[in-house]
């Protein structure tokens, strides 16, 4: 394993001051052994806390465009939180040297075991589960911008792997493939690709046509002043995932000023919620406490949230959190 050098904050990186965010006890390490199928040569970086939980959960945190694994590592609190709660964090690094965006558009990445960046990332998960005796029912993904797009892709292409996701300033699964662009879709980015919930759901289900099991729950965040991925993309994500998850298309509960003043939380059911951040541009800040609660990653007992195997039942409610000492 090798130490990864740190880039400065680049386009799409988080707005939080890096030095004040990550106080991780250990270093980010690169996995250089063969970890499974990796057709696009995604680089594999991992954070291991000094004390692992028994059957540790796994969190995948793909970086934004123009960034790398070290930016995701230093630009959020997840490694520090892993020290406290004993889970493992995987930080994949995009092989796209042109702009370091993720492949969220190819037919390969948008299909189960079809190839693309998504398969390389899932191979990292499978390797980590096996090597560290991880909990296969507690695998999660979260990211910002291109990392949020990849979060959507991972949940859509690999519903058998992930329990839940949290996407900040992303787009609907399949949106970048909508106009045939290889990497960047102006039509999707500017909110011009608009579909019905049924149309979006068909795209998700086509990624794994024979799958009938549990679908991961997801929360999505978006700024109303997003100038890179226009706010219409939040509406498309809402239509897509509420239809996939069999939830109503309008919220059953709305909560103002949460988790930040000016942000509105909309709850559509136990498996989907959205957050509209008033006046926030594309450079939206991570909300680690909200994400941790959604994943139930502060729970270290025996009754924590997890995917119910291959079941199609509603995920159990979050357990009462317990802190590691």
C-alpha atoms as a PDB file:
ATOM      1  CA  UNK A   1       0.000   0.000   0.000  1.00  0.00           C
ATOM      2  CA  UNK A   2       1.190   3.545  -0.748  1.00  0.00           C
ATOM      3  CA  UNK A   3       0.382   6.994   0.604  1.00  0.00           C
ATOM      4  CA  UNK A   4      -1.555   9.262  -1.816  1.00  0.00           C
ATOM      5  CA  UNK A   5      -0.415  12.875  -2.179  1.00  0.00           C
ATOM      6  CA  UNK A   6      -3.044  15.544  -1.603  1.00  0.00           C
ATOM      7  CA  UNK A   7      -4.252  17.983  -4.263  1.00  0.00           C
ATOM      8  CA  UNK A   8      -5.574  21.417  -3.421  1.00  0.00           C
ATOM      9  CA  UNK A   9      -9.267  22.082  -3.461  1.00  0.00           C
ATOM     10  CA  UNK A  10     -10.332  22.011  -7.114  1.00  0.00           C
ATOM     11  CA  UNK A  11     -13.534  22.566  -9.019  1.00  0.00           C
ATOM     12  CA  UNK A  12     -16.349  20.606  -7.437  1.00  0.00           C
ATOM     13  CA  UNK A  13     -14.509  19.961  -4.171  1.00  0.00           C
ATOM     14  CA  UNK A  14     -16.224  20.599  -0.902  1.00  0.00           C
ATOM     15  CA  UNK A  15     -16.577  24.089   0.500  1.00  0.00           C
ATOM     16  CA  UNK A  16     -15.516  23.180   4.044  1.00  0.00           C
ATOM     17  CA  UNK A  17     -11.991  24.176   5.161  1.00  0.00           C
ATOM     18  CA  UNK A  18      -9.988  20.996   4.754  1.00  0.00           C
ATOM     19  CA  UNK A  19      -7.694  21.450   7.737  1.00  0.00           C
ATOM     20  CA  UNK A  20     -10.668  21.781  10.048  1.00  0.00           C
ATOM     21  CA  UNK A  21     -12.618  18.833   8.688  1.00  0.00           C
ATOM     22  CA  UNK A  22     -10.563  15.668   8.722  1.00  0.00           C
ATOM     23  CA  UNK A  23      -8.719  14.690  11.888  1.00  0.00           C
ATOM     24  CA  UNK A  24      -8.287  11.041  10.915  1.00  0.00           C
ATOM     25  CA  UNK A  25      -5.887   9.019  13.020  1.00  0.00           C
ATOM     26  CA  UNK A  26      -4.433   7.038  10.118  1.00  0.00           C
ATOM     27  CA  UNK A  27      -3.384   7.628   6.527  1.00  0.00           C
ATOM     28  CA  UNK A  28      -5.202   6.967   3.301  1.00  0.00           C
ATOM     29  CA  UNK A  29      -3.699   3.862   1.721  1.00  0.00           C
ATOM     30  CA  UNK A  30      -3.625   2.580  -1.834  1.00  0.00           C
ATOM     31  CA  UNK A  31      -4.500  -1.039  -2.553  1.00  0.00           C
ATOM     32  CA  UNK A  32      -2.205  -2.270  -5.307  1.00  0.00           C
ATOM     33  CA  UNK A  33      -2.980  -6.000  -5.304  1.00  0.00           C
ATOM     34  CA  UNK A  34      -5.434  -7.561  -7.763  1.00  0.00           C
ATOM     35  CA  UNK A  35      -8.844  -6.857  -6.223  1.00  0.00           C
ATOM     36  CA  UNK A  36     -11.033  -8.224  -9.005  1.00  0.00           C
ATOM     37  CA  UNK A  37     -12.525  -7.077 -12.295  1.00  0.00           C
ATOM     38  CA  UNK A  38     -11.513  -3.484 -13.016  1.00  0.00           C
ATOM     39  CA  UNK A  39     -11.883  -2.888 -16.755  1.00  0.00           C
ATOM     40  CA  UNK A  40     -11.258   0.885 -16.655  1.00  0.00           C
ATOM     41  CA  UNK A  41      -8.395   0.778 -14.124  1.00  0.00           C
ATOM     42  CA  UNK A  42     -10.056   2.702 -11.311  1.00  0.00           C
ATOM     43  CA  UNK A  43      -7.525   3.236  -8.516  1.00  0.00           C
ATOM     44  CA  UNK A  44      -8.410   1.841  -5.095  1.00  0.00           C
ATOM     45  CA  UNK A  45      -7.760   3.803  -1.899  1.00  0.00           C
ATOM     46  CA  UNK A  46      -8.991   2.747   1.500  1.00  0.00           C
ATOM     47  CA  UNK A  47      -9.194   4.136   5.003  1.00  0.00           C
ATOM     48  CA  UNK A  48      -8.907   1.639   7.843  1.00  0.00           C
ATOM     49  CA  UNK A  49      -9.501   2.840  11.407  1.00  0.00           C
ATOM     50  CA  UNK A  50      -7.195   1.528  14.080  1.00  0.00           C
ATOM     51  CA  UNK A  51     -10.054  -0.434  15.641  1.00  0.00           C
ATOM     52  CA  UNK A  52     -12.490  -2.083  13.248  1.00  0.00           C
ATOM     53  CA  UNK A  53     -16.003  -2.964  14.319  1.00  0.00           C
ATOM     54  CA  UNK A  54     -16.898  -6.634  14.229  1.00  0.00           C
ATOM     55  CA  UNK A  55     -18.138  -7.213  10.659  1.00  0.00           C
ATOM     56  CA  UNK A  56     -17.511  -3.579   9.759  1.00  0.00           C
ATOM     57  CA  UNK A  57     -19.877  -1.654   7.486  1.00  0.00           C
ATOM     58  CA  UNK A  58     -18.361  -0.168   4.326  1.00  0.00           C
ATOM     59  CA  UNK A  59     -18.843   3.362   3.014  1.00  0.00           C
ATOM     60  CA  UNK A  60     -17.895   4.197  -0.592  1.00  0.00           C
ATOM     61  CA  UNK A  61     -17.082   7.890  -1.150  1.00  0.00           C
ATOM     62  CA  UNK A  62     -16.312   8.708  -4.817  1.00  0.00           C
ATOM     63  CA  UNK A  63     -14.790  12.134  -5.434  1.00  0.00           C
ATOM     64  CA  UNK A  64     -16.066  15.012  -7.576  1.00  0.00           C
ATOM     65  CA  UNK A  65     -14.819  16.034 -11.048  1.00  0.00           C
ATOM     66  CA  UNK A  66     -11.365  17.644 -11.138  1.00  0.00           C
ATOM     67  CA  UNK A  67     -10.602  15.923  -7.847  1.00  0.00           C
ATOM     68  CA  UNK A  68      -9.126  12.672  -6.650  1.00  0.00           C
ATOM     69  CA  UNK A  69      -9.446  10.220  -3.783  1.00  0.00           C
ATOM     70  CA  UNK A  70      -7.413  12.422  -1.453  1.00  0.00           C
ATOM     71  CA  UNK A  71      -9.867  15.307  -1.927  1.00  0.00           C
ATOM     72  CA  UNK A  72     -12.755  13.140  -0.792  1.00  0.00           C
ATOM     73  CA  UNK A  73     -10.620  11.916   2.108  1.00  0.00           C
ATOM     74  CA  UNK A  74      -9.541  15.353   3.351  1.00  0.00           C
ATOM     75  CA  UNK A  75     -12.742  17.146   2.376  1.00  0.00           C
ATOM     76  CA  UNK A  76     -15.159  15.285   4.618  1.00  0.00           C
ATOM     77  CA  UNK A  77     -15.371  13.899   8.130  1.00  0.00           C
ATOM     78  CA  UNK A  78     -15.999  10.273   7.167  1.00  0.00           C
ATOM     79  CA  UNK A  79     -12.499   8.987   7.975  1.00  0.00           C
ATOM     80  CA  UNK A  80     -12.632  10.689  11.369  1.00  0.00           C
ATOM     81  CA  UNK A  81     -16.053   9.189  11.965  1.00  0.00           C
ATOM     82  CA  UNK A  82     -14.711   5.789  10.897  1.00  0.00           C
ATOM     83  CA  UNK A  83     -12.149   6.103  13.704  1.00  0.00           C
ATOM     84  CA  UNK A  84     -14.995   6.558  16.141  1.00  0.00           C
ATOM     85  CA  UNK A  85     -17.426   3.936  14.861  1.00  0.00           C
ATOM     86  CA  UNK A  86     -15.191   1.328  13.244  1.00  0.00           C
ATOM     87  CA  UNK A  87     -16.439   1.267   9.657  1.00  0.00           C
ATOM     88  CA  UNK A  88     -14.255   1.185   6.536  1.00  0.00           C
ATOM     89  CA  UNK A  89     -14.206   3.930   3.898  1.00  0.00           C
ATOM     90  CA  UNK A  90     -13.342   3.216   0.254  1.00  0.00           C
ATOM     91  CA  UNK A  91     -12.151   6.203  -1.786  1.00  0.00           C
ATOM     92  CA  UNK A  92     -12.025   5.227  -5.471  1.00  0.00           C
ATOM     93  CA  UNK A  93     -10.008   7.398  -7.847  1.00  0.00           C
ATOM     94  CA  UNK A  94     -11.247   8.043 -11.401  1.00  0.00           C
ATOM     95  CA  UNK A  95      -9.053   6.803 -14.267  1.00  0.00           C
ATOM     96  CA  UNK A  96     -10.256   9.689 -16.472  1.00  0.00           C
ATOM     97  CA  UNK A  97      -7.173  11.886 -16.536  1.00  0.00           C
ATOM     98  CA  UNK A  98      -8.828  14.582 -18.686  1.00  0.00           C
ATOM     99  CA  UNK A  99     -11.145  15.919 -15.985  1.00  0.00           C
ATOM    100  CA  UNK A 100     -11.289  13.160 -13.347  1.00  0.00           C
ATOM    101  CA  UNK A 101     -15.054  12.799 -13.755  1.00  0.00           C
ATOM    102  CA  UNK A 102     -16.651   9.382 -13.352  1.00  0.00           C
ATOM    103  CA  UNK A 103     -18.065   7.282 -16.172  1.00  0.00           C
ATOM    104  CA  UNK A 104     -21.790   7.652 -15.526  1.00  0.00           C
ATOM    105  CA  UNK A 105     -22.836   7.479 -19.171  1.00  0.00           C
ATOM    106  CA  UNK A 106     -21.567   4.293 -20.840  1.00  0.00           C
ATOM    107  CA  UNK A 107     -23.734   1.241 -21.374  1.00  0.00           C
ATOM    108  CA  UNK A 108     -21.142  -0.741 -19.445  1.00  0.00           C
ATOM    109  CA  UNK A 109     -21.201   1.340 -16.252  1.00  0.00           C
ATOM    110  CA  UNK A 110     -25.014   1.525 -16.400  1.00  0.00           C
ATOM    111  CA  UNK A 111     -25.446  -2.244 -16.315  1.00  0.00           C
ATOM    112  CA  UNK A 112     -24.954  -4.890 -13.653  1.00  0.00           C
ATOM    113  CA  UNK A 113     -21.522  -6.504 -13.981  1.00  0.00           C
ATOM    114  CA  UNK A 114     -21.293  -4.875 -17.404  1.00  0.00           C
ATOM    115  CA  UNK A 115     -18.000  -3.058 -16.888  1.00  0.00           C
ATOM    116  CA  UNK A 116     -17.156   0.626 -16.654  1.00  0.00           C
ATOM    117  CA  UNK A 117     -16.043   2.479 -13.547  1.00  0.00           C
ATOM    118  CA  UNK A 118     -18.962   1.140 -11.522  1.00  0.00           C
ATOM    119  CA  UNK A 119     -17.750  -2.458 -11.787  1.00  0.00           C
ATOM    120  CA  UNK A 120     -14.254  -1.491 -10.640  1.00  0.00           C
ATOM    121  CA  UNK A 121     -15.729   0.200  -7.576  1.00  0.00           C
ATOM    122  CA  UNK A 122     -17.952  -2.766  -6.777  1.00  0.00           C
ATOM    123  CA  UNK A 123     -14.915  -5.052  -7.073  1.00  0.00           C
ATOM    124  CA  UNK A 124     -13.300  -2.907  -4.356  1.00  0.00           C
ATOM    125  CA  UNK A 125     -16.345  -3.487  -2.173  1.00  0.00           C
ATOM    126  CA  UNK A 126     -16.289  -7.241  -2.752  1.00  0.00           C
ATOM    127  CA  UNK A 127     -12.564  -7.424  -2.001  1.00  0.00           C
ATOM    128  CA  UNK A 128     -12.966  -5.382   1.193  1.00  0.00           C
ATOM    129  CA  UNK A 129     -15.907  -7.446   2.404  1.00  0.00           C
ATOM    130  CA  UNK A 130     -13.864 -10.610   1.979  1.00  0.00           C
ATOM    131  CA  UNK A 131     -10.547  -9.352   3.378  1.00  0.00           C
ATOM    132  CA  UNK A 132     -11.956  -7.596   6.449  1.00  0.00           C
ATOM    133  CA  UNK A 133     -15.006  -9.776   7.117  1.00  0.00           C
ATOM    134  CA  UNK A 134     -17.270  -6.829   6.354  1.00  0.00           C
ATOM    135  CA  UNK A 135     -21.029  -6.742   6.682  1.00  0.00           C
ATOM    136  CA  UNK A 136     -22.382  -7.316   3.167  1.00  0.00           C
ATOM    137  CA  UNK A 137     -25.757  -5.943   4.223  1.00  0.00           C
ATOM    138  CA  UNK A 138     -24.287  -2.614   5.385  1.00  0.00           C
ATOM    139  CA  UNK A 139     -22.587  -1.186   2.290  1.00  0.00           C
ATOM    140  CA  UNK A 140     -23.287   2.480   1.532  1.00  0.00           C
ATOM    141  CA  UNK A 141     -22.314   5.145  -1.003  1.00  0.00           C
ATOM    142  CA  UNK A 142     -22.198   8.927  -0.848  1.00  0.00           C
ATOM    143  CA  UNK A 143     -20.650  11.617  -3.005  1.00  0.00           C
ATOM    144  CA  UNK A 144     -20.848  15.182  -4.287  1.00  0.00           C
ATOM    145  CA  UNK A 145     -21.294  16.253  -7.939  1.00  0.00           C
ATOM    146  CA  UNK A 146     -19.732  13.534 -10.119  1.00  0.00           C
ATOM    147  CA  UNK A 147     -19.439  11.480  -6.931  1.00  0.00           C
ATOM    148  CA  UNK A 148     -23.189  11.907  -6.463  1.00  0.00           C
ATOM    149  CA  UNK A 149     -23.785  10.820 -10.047  1.00  0.00           C
ATOM    150  CA  UNK A 150     -21.707   7.711  -9.373  1.00  0.00           C
ATOM    151  CA  UNK A 151     -23.687   7.114  -6.184  1.00  0.00           C
ATOM    152  CA  UNK A 152     -26.863   7.050  -8.289  1.00  0.00           C
ATOM    153  CA  UNK A 153     -25.162   4.693 -10.758  1.00  0.00           C
ATOM    154  CA  UNK A 154     -23.961   2.311  -8.064  1.00  0.00           C
ATOM    155  CA  UNK A 155     -27.417   2.046  -6.516  1.00  0.00           C
ATOM    156  CA  UNK A 156     -29.064   1.547  -9.902  1.00  0.00           C
ATOM    157  CA  UNK A 157     -26.592  -0.931 -11.393  1.00  0.00           C
ATOM    158  CA  UNK A 158     -25.849  -2.822  -8.165  1.00  0.00           C
ATOM    159  CA  UNK A 159     -28.982  -2.903  -5.993  1.00  0.00           C
ATOM    160  CA  UNK A 160     -27.787  -6.280  -4.722  1.00  0.00           C
ATOM    161  CA  UNK A 161     -24.641  -4.707  -3.230  1.00  0.00           C
ATOM    162  CA  UNK A 162     -25.736  -1.435  -1.617  1.00  0.00           C
ATOM    163  CA  UNK A 163     -28.075  -0.839   1.297  1.00  0.00           C
ATOM    164  CA  UNK A 164     -28.448   2.936   0.846  1.00  0.00           C
ATOM    165  CA  UNK A 165     -27.012   6.017  -0.787  1.00  0.00           C
ATOM    166  CA  UNK A 166     -26.749   9.760  -0.278  1.00  0.00           C
ATOM    167  CA  UNK A 167     -26.184  12.028  -3.295  1.00  0.00           C
ATOM    168  CA  UNK A 168     -25.262  15.733  -3.170  1.00  0.00           C
ATOM    169  CA  UNK A 169     -25.773  17.746  -6.373  1.00  0.00           C
ATOM    170  CA  UNK A 170     -26.060  14.792  -8.710  1.00  0.00           C
ATOM    171  CA  UNK A 171     -28.342  13.689 -11.523  1.00  0.00           C
ATOM    172  CA  UNK A 172     -30.740  10.817 -12.102  1.00  0.00           C
ATOM    173  CA  UNK A 173     -29.392   7.398 -13.020  1.00  0.00           C
ATOM    174  CA  UNK A 174     -29.002   7.299 -16.800  1.00  0.00           C
ATOM    175  CA  UNK A 175     -29.367  11.044 -17.328  1.00  0.00           C
ATOM    176  CA  UNK A 176     -25.907  11.532 -18.808  1.00  0.00           C
ATOM    177  CA  UNK A 177     -26.554   8.709 -21.271  1.00  0.00           C
ATOM    178  CA  UNK A 178     -29.668  10.481 -22.493  1.00  0.00           C
ATOM    179  CA  UNK A 179     -28.071  12.385 -25.364  1.00  0.00           C
ATOM    180  CA  UNK A 180     -25.253   9.995 -26.148  1.00  0.00           C
ATOM    181  CA  UNK A 181     -22.318  12.058 -24.897  1.00  0.00           C
ATOM    182  CA  UNK A 182     -19.340  10.029 -23.758  1.00  0.00           C
ATOM    183  CA  UNK A 183     -18.506  11.938 -20.567  1.00  0.00           C
ATOM    184  CA  UNK A 184     -20.359  15.221 -20.134  1.00  0.00           C
ATOM    185  CA  UNK A 185     -23.982  15.853 -21.136  1.00  0.00           C
ATOM    186  CA  UNK A 186     -24.897  19.501 -21.484  1.00  0.00           C
ATOM    187  CA  UNK A 187     -28.530  18.551 -21.959  1.00  0.00           C
ATOM    188  CA  UNK A 188     -28.650  16.665 -18.684  1.00  0.00           C
ATOM    189  CA  UNK A 189     -26.546  19.190 -16.792  1.00  0.00           C
ATOM    190  CA  UNK A 190     -28.814  22.075 -17.816  1.00  0.00           C
ATOM    191  CA  UNK A 191     -31.991  20.225 -16.913  1.00  0.00           C
ATOM    192  CA  UNK A 192     -33.211  19.592 -20.444  1.00  0.00           C
ATOM    193  CA  UNK A 193     -33.639  15.836 -20.064  1.00  0.00           C
ATOM    194  CA  UNK A 194     -37.059  15.486 -18.512  1.00  0.00           C
ATOM    195  CA  UNK A 195     -38.853  12.147 -18.210  1.00  0.00           C
ATOM    196  CA  UNK A 196     -41.782  10.658 -16.355  1.00  0.00           C
ATOM    197  CA  UNK A 197     -41.143   8.594 -13.269  1.00  0.00           C
ATOM    198  CA  UNK A 198     -42.084   5.486 -15.223  1.00  0.00           C
ATOM    199  CA  UNK A 199     -39.565   6.299 -17.942  1.00  0.00           C
ATOM    200  CA  UNK A 200     -36.798   6.853 -15.422  1.00  0.00           C
ATOM    201  CA  UNK A 201     -37.699   3.679 -13.523  1.00  0.00           C
ATOM    202  CA  UNK A 202     -37.521   1.657 -16.736  1.00  0.00           C
ATOM    203  CA  UNK A 203     -33.957   2.900 -17.267  1.00  0.00           C
ATOM    204  CA  UNK A 204     -32.959   1.869 -13.748  1.00  0.00           C
ATOM    205  CA  UNK A 205     -34.561  -1.548 -14.015  1.00  0.00           C
ATOM    206  CA  UNK A 206     -32.952  -2.178 -17.416  1.00  0.00           C
ATOM    207  CA  UNK A 207     -29.577  -2.052 -15.674  1.00  0.00           C
ATOM    208  CA  UNK A 208     -30.368  -5.379 -13.992  1.00  0.00           C
ATOM    209  CA  UNK A 209     -33.457  -6.773 -15.741  1.00  0.00           C
ATOM    210  CA  UNK A 210     -33.842  -9.991 -13.750  1.00  0.00           C
ATOM    211  CA  UNK A 211     -33.437  -8.398 -10.344  1.00  0.00           C
ATOM    212  CA  UNK A 212     -36.494  -8.483  -8.071  1.00  0.00           C
ATOM    213  CA  UNK A 213     -34.902  -8.013  -4.659  1.00  0.00           C
ATOM    214  CA  UNK A 214     -34.464  -5.140  -2.238  1.00  0.00           C
ATOM    215  CA  UNK A 215     -33.849  -1.692  -3.701  1.00  0.00           C
ATOM    216  CA  UNK A 216     -31.474   0.600  -1.768  1.00  0.00           C
ATOM    217  CA  UNK A 217     -32.941   3.610  -0.035  1.00  0.00           C
ATOM    218  CA  UNK A 218     -31.574   7.002  -1.068  1.00  0.00           C
ATOM    219  CA  UNK A 219     -31.520  10.633   0.000  1.00  0.00           C
ATOM    220  CA  UNK A 220     -30.706  13.410  -2.489  1.00  0.00           C
ATOM    221  CA  UNK A 221     -29.558  17.001  -1.895  1.00  0.00           C
ATOM    222  CA  UNK A 222     -29.451  19.901  -4.356  1.00  0.00           C
ATOM    223  CA  UNK A 223     -28.963  23.662  -4.269  1.00  0.00           C
ATOM    224  CA  UNK A 224     -31.608  25.873  -5.849  1.00  0.00           C
ATOM    225  CA  UNK A 225     -28.823  28.058  -7.302  1.00  0.00           C
ATOM    226  CA  UNK A 226     -26.793  25.203  -8.775  1.00  0.00           C
ATOM    227  CA  UNK A 227     -25.174  26.660 -11.884  1.00  0.00           C
ATOM    228  CA  UNK A 228     -23.433  23.439 -13.026  1.00  0.00           C
ATOM    229  CA  UNK A 229     -26.101  20.765 -12.609  1.00  0.00           C
ATOM    230  CA  UNK A 230     -29.320  22.741 -12.761  1.00  0.00           C
ATOM    231  CA  UNK A 231     -31.952  22.280 -10.002  1.00  0.00           C
ATOM    232  CA  UNK A 232     -34.293  20.473 -12.437  1.00  0.00           C
ATOM    233  CA  UNK A 233     -32.036  17.480 -11.909  1.00  0.00           C
ATOM    234  CA  UNK A 234     -33.319  17.190  -8.351  1.00  0.00           C
ATOM    235  CA  UNK A 235     -36.855  16.896  -9.693  1.00  0.00           C
ATOM    236  CA  UNK A 236     -35.764  14.145 -12.082  1.00  0.00           C
ATOM    237  CA  UNK A 237     -34.059  12.221  -9.271  1.00  0.00           C
ATOM    238  CA  UNK A 238     -37.237  12.507  -7.212  1.00  0.00           C
ATOM    239  CA  UNK A 239     -39.386  11.152 -10.030  1.00  0.00           C
ATOM    240  CA  UNK A 240     -36.937   8.345 -10.745  1.00  0.00           C
ATOM    241  CA  UNK A 241     -36.393   6.987  -7.267  1.00  0.00           C
ATOM    242  CA  UNK A 242     -39.902   7.417  -5.897  1.00  0.00           C
ATOM    243  CA  UNK A 243     -41.146   5.359  -8.847  1.00  0.00           C
ATOM    244  CA  UNK A 244     -38.436   2.711  -8.497  1.00  0.00           C
ATOM    245  CA  UNK A 245     -39.148   2.452  -4.772  1.00  0.00           C
ATOM    246  CA  UNK A 246     -42.935   2.454  -5.163  1.00  0.00           C
ATOM    247  CA  UNK A 247     -43.465   5.669  -3.210  1.00  0.00           C
ATOM    248  CA  UNK A 248     -45.855   8.597  -3.765  1.00  0.00           C
ATOM    249  CA  UNK A 249     -44.668  11.297  -6.150  1.00  0.00           C
ATOM    250  CA  UNK A 250     -45.438  14.057  -3.644  1.00  0.00           C
ATOM    251  CA  UNK A 251     -43.961  14.271  -0.133  1.00  0.00           C
ATOM    252  CA  UNK A 252     -45.863  12.938   2.843  1.00  0.00           C
ATOM    253  CA  UNK A 253     -43.925  15.266   5.146  1.00  0.00           C
ATOM    254  CA  UNK A 254     -42.028  18.531   4.704  1.00  0.00           C
ATOM    255  CA  UNK A 255     -39.598  19.900   7.270  1.00  0.00           C
ATOM    256  CA  UNK A 256     -38.231  23.427   6.956  1.00  0.00           C
ATOM    257  CA  UNK A 257     -34.724  24.577   7.911  1.00  0.00           C
ATOM    258  CA  UNK A 258     -33.141  21.161   8.182  1.00  0.00           C
ATOM    259  CA  UNK A 259     -30.334  20.233   8.445  1.00  0.00           C
ATOM    260  CA  UNK A 260     -29.371  23.846   7.633  1.00  0.00           C
ATOM    261  CA  UNK A 261     -31.390  27.060   7.774  1.00  0.00           C
ATOM    262  CA  UNK A 262     -33.010  27.598   4.388  1.00  0.00           C
ATOM    263  CA  UNK A 263     -32.923  23.922   3.426  1.00  0.00           C
ATOM    264  CA  UNK A 264     -36.177  22.004   3.054  1.00  0.00           C
ATOM    265  CA  UNK A 265     -36.437  18.284   3.705  1.00  0.00           C
ATOM    266  CA  UNK A 266     -39.170  16.377   1.860  1.00  0.00           C
ATOM    267  CA  UNK A 267     -39.996  12.844   2.979  1.00  0.00           C
ATOM    268  CA  UNK A 268     -41.681  10.516   0.491  1.00  0.00           C
ATOM    269  CA  UNK A 269     -41.531   7.390   2.622  1.00  0.00           C
ATOM    270  CA  UNK A 270     -39.013   5.383   4.662  1.00  0.00           C
ATOM    271  CA  UNK A 271     -36.739   4.790   1.669  1.00  0.00           C
ATOM    272  CA  UNK A 272     -36.509   8.193  -0.016  1.00  0.00           C
ATOM    273  CA  UNK A 273     -36.065  11.805   1.019  1.00  0.00           C
ATOM    274  CA  UNK A 274     -34.906  14.947  -0.750  1.00  0.00           C
ATOM    275  CA  UNK A 275     -33.345  18.195   0.417  1.00  0.00           C
ATOM    276  CA  UNK A 276     -33.677  21.482  -1.471  1.00  0.00           C
ATOM    277  CA  UNK A 277     -31.012  23.978  -0.362  1.00  0.00           C
ATOM    278  CA  UNK A 278     -32.246  27.524  -0.943  1.00  0.00           C
ATOM    279  CA  UNK A 279     -29.682  29.770  -2.613  1.00  0.00           C
ATOM    280  CA  UNK A 280     -26.914  27.149  -2.532  1.00  0.00           C
ATOM    281  CA  UNK A 281     -24.757  26.800  -5.680  1.00  0.00           C
ATOM    282  CA  UNK A 282     -23.147  23.646  -7.025  1.00  0.00           C
ATOM    283  CA  UNK A 283     -20.469  23.692  -4.344  1.00  0.00           C
ATOM    284  CA  UNK A 284     -22.827  22.208  -1.765  1.00  0.00           C
ATOM    285  CA  UNK A 285     -21.390  21.208   1.607  1.00  0.00           C
ATOM    286  CA  UNK A 286     -21.474  17.683   2.973  1.00  0.00           C
ATOM    287  CA  UNK A 287     -23.883  17.072   5.841  1.00  0.00           C
ATOM    288  CA  UNK A 288     -22.187  14.195   7.575  1.00  0.00           C
ATOM    289  CA  UNK A 289     -24.508  13.916  10.606  1.00  0.00           C
ATOM    290  CA  UNK A 290     -27.544  13.643   8.311  1.00  0.00           C
ATOM    291  CA  UNK A 291     -25.831  11.064   6.114  1.00  0.00           C
ATOM    292  CA  UNK A 292     -24.597   9.061   9.096  1.00  0.00           C
ATOM    293  CA  UNK A 293     -28.130   8.961  10.503  1.00  0.00           C
ATOM    294  CA  UNK A 294     -29.551   7.854   7.137  1.00  0.00           C
ATOM    295  CA  UNK A 295     -27.042   5.008   6.981  1.00  0.00           C
ATOM    296  CA  UNK A 296     -27.283   4.337  10.736  1.00  0.00           C
ATOM    297  CA  UNK A 297     -23.494   4.248  10.820  1.00  0.00           C
ATOM    298  CA  UNK A 298     -23.334   5.399  14.437  1.00  0.00           C
ATOM    299  CA  UNK A 299     -25.058   2.168  15.409  1.00  0.00           C
ATOM    300  CA  UNK A 300     -22.572  -0.444  16.571  1.00  0.00           C
ATOM    301  CA  UNK A 301     -24.998  -2.915  18.103  1.00  0.00           C
ATOM    302  CA  UNK A 302     -26.816  -5.902  16.649  1.00  0.00           C
ATOM    303  CA  UNK A 303     -29.996  -4.167  15.506  1.00  0.00           C
ATOM    304  CA  UNK A 304     -28.582  -1.615  13.067  1.00  0.00           C
ATOM    305  CA  UNK A 305     -30.110  -0.701   9.726  1.00  0.00           C
ATOM    306  CA  UNK A 306     -29.087  -3.128   7.000  1.00  0.00           C
ATOM    307  CA  UNK A 307     -30.403  -4.383   3.702  1.00  0.00           C
ATOM    308  CA  UNK A 308     -32.703  -7.383   4.281  1.00  0.00           C
ATOM    309  CA  UNK A 309     -30.825  -9.806   2.053  1.00  0.00           C
ATOM    310  CA  UNK A 310     -32.756 -10.373  -1.146  1.00  0.00           C
ATOM    311  CA  UNK A 311     -36.036  -9.337   0.396  1.00  0.00           C
ATOM    312  CA  UNK A 312     -38.341  -6.688  -1.046  1.00  0.00           C
ATOM    313  CA  UNK A 313     -39.556  -5.675   2.396  1.00  0.00           C
ATOM    314  CA  UNK A 314     -39.204  -2.167   3.811  1.00  0.00           C
ATOM    315  CA  UNK A 315     -35.859  -1.637   5.551  1.00  0.00           C
ATOM    316  CA  UNK A 316     -36.019  -1.709   9.357  1.00  0.00           C
ATOM    317  CA  UNK A 317     -36.038   1.544  11.286  1.00  0.00           C
ATOM    318  CA  UNK A 318     -32.739   2.947  12.504  1.00  0.00           C
ATOM    319  CA  UNK A 319     -31.588   1.599  15.821  1.00  0.00           C
ATOM    320  CA  UNK A 320     -30.620   3.701  18.791  1.00  0.00           C
ATOM    321  CA  UNK A 321     -27.086   4.888  18.163  1.00  0.00           C
ATOM    322  CA  UNK A 322     -24.290   3.779  20.428  1.00  0.00           C
ATOM    323  CA  UNK A 323     -20.908   5.495  20.540  1.00  0.00           C
ATOM    324  CA  UNK A 324     -17.593   3.693  20.424  1.00  0.00           C
ATOM    325  CA  UNK A 325     -15.304   4.502  23.334  1.00  0.00           C
END
